[in-house]
Protein backbone atom coordinates (compact mmCIF):
# COMPACT_ATOMS: atom_id res chain seq x y z
CA MET A 1 10.97 11.07 -39.92
CA PRO A 2 8.84 12.93 -37.30
CA ARG A 3 5.52 13.87 -38.22
CA GLU A 4 4.76 17.49 -38.05
CA VAL A 5 1.01 17.23 -36.85
CA TYR A 6 0.38 15.35 -33.77
CA ASP A 7 -2.39 12.71 -34.22
CA PRO A 8 -3.85 11.36 -30.94
CA LYS A 9 -5.03 8.16 -32.73
CA GLU A 10 -2.04 7.26 -34.22
CA LYS A 11 1.09 6.66 -31.94
CA GLU A 12 4.46 8.23 -32.43
CA LEU A 13 6.00 6.13 -34.81
CA GLU A 14 9.60 7.14 -34.00
CA PHE A 15 9.05 6.19 -30.21
CA TYR A 16 6.86 2.93 -30.68
CA GLY A 17 7.80 0.95 -33.55
CA LYS A 18 4.92 -1.15 -34.86
CA ARG A 19 6.43 -4.41 -33.89
CA ASP A 20 4.69 -7.85 -33.28
CA ILE A 21 4.99 -8.59 -29.49
CA LYS A 22 5.67 -12.37 -28.80
CA PRO A 23 3.23 -13.93 -26.44
CA PRO A 24 4.74 -15.26 -23.09
CA ALA A 25 6.04 -18.88 -23.34
CA PRO A 26 3.61 -21.43 -21.80
CA LYS A 27 4.50 -22.26 -18.51
CA ARG A 28 6.31 -25.75 -18.50
CA GLU A 29 5.67 -28.45 -15.86
CA VAL A 30 9.18 -29.66 -14.32
CA SER A 31 9.51 -33.46 -14.09
CA ILE A 32 9.59 -34.34 -10.37
CA PHE A 33 12.83 -36.20 -10.98
CA ALA A 34 14.53 -32.75 -11.92
CA ARG A 35 13.38 -31.06 -8.80
CA ARG A 36 15.69 -29.96 -6.10
CA TRP A 37 13.92 -31.61 -3.03
CA PHE A 38 13.81 -35.06 -5.16
CA MET A 39 17.48 -35.12 -6.09
CA PHE A 40 18.46 -34.27 -2.61
CA LEU A 41 16.11 -37.22 -0.95
CA TYR A 42 17.40 -39.70 -3.65
CA GLY A 43 21.07 -38.59 -3.37
CA THR A 44 20.66 -39.10 0.71
CA PHE A 45 18.97 -42.59 0.14
CA LEU A 46 21.72 -43.91 -2.22
CA THR A 47 24.34 -42.66 0.43
CA LEU A 48 22.79 -44.09 3.31
CA ALA A 49 22.18 -47.55 1.21
CA VAL A 50 25.95 -47.60 0.29
CA VAL A 51 27.09 -46.85 3.94
CA GLY A 52 24.57 -49.52 5.24
CA MET A 53 25.67 -52.05 2.58
CA LEU A 54 29.47 -51.56 3.66
CA LEU A 55 28.64 -51.61 7.37
CA TYR A 56 26.89 -54.92 6.81
CA LYS A 57 29.72 -56.61 4.84
CA LYS A 58 32.12 -55.62 7.87
CA GLY A 59 29.65 -57.18 10.31
CA PHE A 60 28.43 -54.09 12.23
CA PHE A 61 24.97 -55.75 12.11
CA ASN A 62 25.79 -59.04 13.38
CA ASN A 63 24.06 -58.69 16.65
CA ILE A 64 20.77 -57.60 15.44
CA PRO A 65 18.43 -60.82 14.86
CA LEU A 66 17.08 -59.33 11.71
CA PHE A 67 20.46 -59.15 9.80
CA GLU A 68 21.52 -62.50 11.23
CA ALA A 69 18.55 -63.96 9.47
CA LEU A 70 19.57 -62.55 5.98
CA LYS A 71 23.07 -64.06 6.18
CA PRO A 72 23.58 -67.41 4.23
CA LYS A 73 23.30 -70.25 6.44
CA THR A 74 26.70 -71.81 6.46
CA ASP A 75 27.45 -74.40 9.46
CA VAL A 76 31.27 -74.26 9.19
CA ILE A 77 33.41 -71.29 8.32
CA VAL A 78 36.55 -72.06 6.66
CA LYS A 79 39.67 -70.10 5.96
CA ILE A 80 42.81 -70.31 4.08
CA ASN A 81 45.63 -69.98 6.57
CA LYS A 82 48.66 -70.17 4.36
CA ALA A 83 49.16 -70.90 0.77
CA GLN A 84 52.50 -71.52 -0.89
CA SER A 85 53.64 -72.51 -4.38
CA ILE A 86 56.07 -75.48 -4.86
CA ASP A 87 56.94 -76.36 -8.23
CA ASP A 88 53.56 -76.92 -10.31
CA VAL A 89 51.54 -77.18 -7.13
CA ILE A 90 49.84 -74.90 -4.96
CA ILE A 91 49.58 -76.14 -1.17
CA THR A 92 46.90 -74.68 0.95
CA THR A 93 46.45 -75.08 4.59
CA ILE A 94 42.70 -75.13 5.26
CA GLU A 95 41.60 -74.10 8.99
CA LEU A 96 38.18 -74.57 10.56
CA GLU A 97 37.05 -74.46 14.10
CA ASN A 98 34.64 -76.81 15.95
CA SER A 99 31.56 -75.02 16.87
CA ASN A 100 29.47 -77.90 18.15
CA TYR A 101 29.12 -79.57 14.88
CA THR A 102 30.43 -83.17 15.99
CA ASN A 103 28.83 -85.53 18.48
CA SER A 104 32.14 -86.38 20.06
CA GLU A 105 35.50 -84.80 20.55
CA SER A 106 37.01 -87.18 17.93
CA VAL A 107 36.17 -87.75 14.45
CA GLU A 108 36.67 -91.21 12.90
CA ILE A 109 36.53 -89.97 9.26
CA LEU A 110 36.79 -86.56 7.99
CA ARG A 111 36.13 -86.27 4.01
CA THR A 112 36.51 -83.15 2.15
CA SER A 113 35.32 -82.39 -1.03
CA PHE A 114 36.59 -79.33 -2.79
CA SER A 115 36.06 -77.63 -6.11
CA LEU A 116 37.56 -74.82 -7.69
CA TYR A 117 35.26 -72.70 -9.80
CA LYS A 118 35.62 -69.86 -12.34
CA TYR A 119 32.40 -67.87 -11.89
CA ARG A 120 29.95 -70.51 -12.05
CA LYS A 121 31.98 -72.96 -14.31
CA LEU A 122 33.49 -76.17 -12.56
CA ILE A 123 37.22 -76.05 -13.31
CA PHE A 124 38.68 -78.69 -10.91
CA SER A 125 37.32 -80.96 -8.10
CA GLY A 126 38.80 -83.58 -5.81
CA ASP A 127 38.25 -84.94 -2.40
CA ARG A 128 40.53 -86.20 0.52
CA SER A 129 40.14 -88.16 3.63
CA PHE A 130 41.59 -87.93 7.09
CA ASN A 131 41.17 -90.76 9.99
CA ASN A 132 40.99 -90.58 13.61
CA ILE A 133 41.20 -86.76 14.32
CA ARG A 134 40.76 -85.28 17.75
CA PHE A 135 38.64 -82.30 17.42
CA PRO A 136 37.12 -80.90 20.83
CA VAL A 137 34.55 -78.24 20.75
CA GLY A 138 36.11 -74.72 20.28
CA GLN A 139 39.35 -76.07 18.89
CA ARG A 140 40.83 -75.61 15.39
CA ILE A 141 42.14 -78.08 13.09
CA GLY A 142 43.88 -77.40 9.88
CA PHE A 143 44.73 -79.71 6.82
CA GLU A 144 46.33 -79.04 3.42
CA LEU A 145 44.87 -79.53 0.22
CA ASN A 146 47.01 -79.58 -3.04
CA PHE A 147 45.99 -77.88 -6.10
CA ASP A 148 47.55 -77.62 -9.80
CA LYS A 149 48.75 -74.33 -10.42
CA ASN A 150 47.07 -73.49 -13.69
CA TYR A 151 43.91 -74.44 -12.27
CA TRP A 152 44.46 -72.22 -9.41
CA LYS A 153 45.44 -69.40 -11.49
CA GLU A 154 42.19 -69.78 -13.55
CA ALA A 155 39.79 -70.14 -10.75
CA ASN A 156 38.12 -67.47 -8.66
CA LYS A 157 36.20 -69.38 -6.21
CA LEU A 158 36.95 -72.38 -3.73
CA GLU A 159 34.06 -74.23 -2.21
CA ILE A 160 34.63 -77.08 0.42
CA ILE A 161 32.08 -79.77 1.77
CA LEU A 162 32.85 -81.50 4.93
CA ARG A 163 31.67 -84.90 6.01
CA PHE A 164 32.32 -85.77 9.93
CA ASP A 165 31.43 -89.20 10.19
CA ASN A 166 28.82 -89.01 7.34
CA ASN A 167 27.28 -86.04 8.69
CA LEU A 168 27.21 -83.45 5.62
CA VAL A 169 28.52 -80.18 6.38
CA LYS A 170 28.59 -77.27 3.95
CA THR A 171 31.00 -74.41 4.27
CA ASN A 172 31.40 -70.96 3.13
CA SER A 173 33.27 -70.10 -0.38
CA ILE A 174 36.55 -68.75 -0.48
CA ASN A 175 37.39 -66.20 -3.03
CA THR A 176 40.85 -67.26 -4.36
CA LYS A 177 41.79 -64.25 -6.10
CA LYS A 178 42.44 -62.15 -2.86
CA ILE A 179 45.03 -64.70 -1.66
CA LYS A 180 48.50 -63.69 -2.30
CA ILE A 181 50.87 -66.50 -3.61
CA LYS A 182 54.49 -65.89 -4.88
CA TYR A 183 54.97 -68.25 -7.96
């Protein structure tokens, strides 16, 4: 109710309630990781890193010496030209190109050791020999390797080691899951 007498020392209660006013909230320091500029820089870095890795994988940086040094050193790159299933056997045609790792145009004995892996566990290994092969520099040769169908289905990596006249040559590993075979 309004007072009838105005008292200058006392506030008008009907207009100014005696409320406790909350003090202002303390200023909080925002983490650097939550700031907009940091999030922008981080997102830009991740985008460039992913694009760079994809370009590197496609071979975009192959002519730059720094990136050539990062590549794993394999003397011979082998690839599977054809893979087919006959009964319980997978027959693969392995192709490789001579990049000047033989001393002459002919190879007396070519020994191949091959291994199938599931992740890092050895599943199957074998070897095969070929005699008197004409193999000039720059030419390609192909040879067939046979694998059991069950081992091939279980494996995810094929590694081949070649011996040209007792010169040991390591090759790249081949992802067998990407090879399409009609069973």
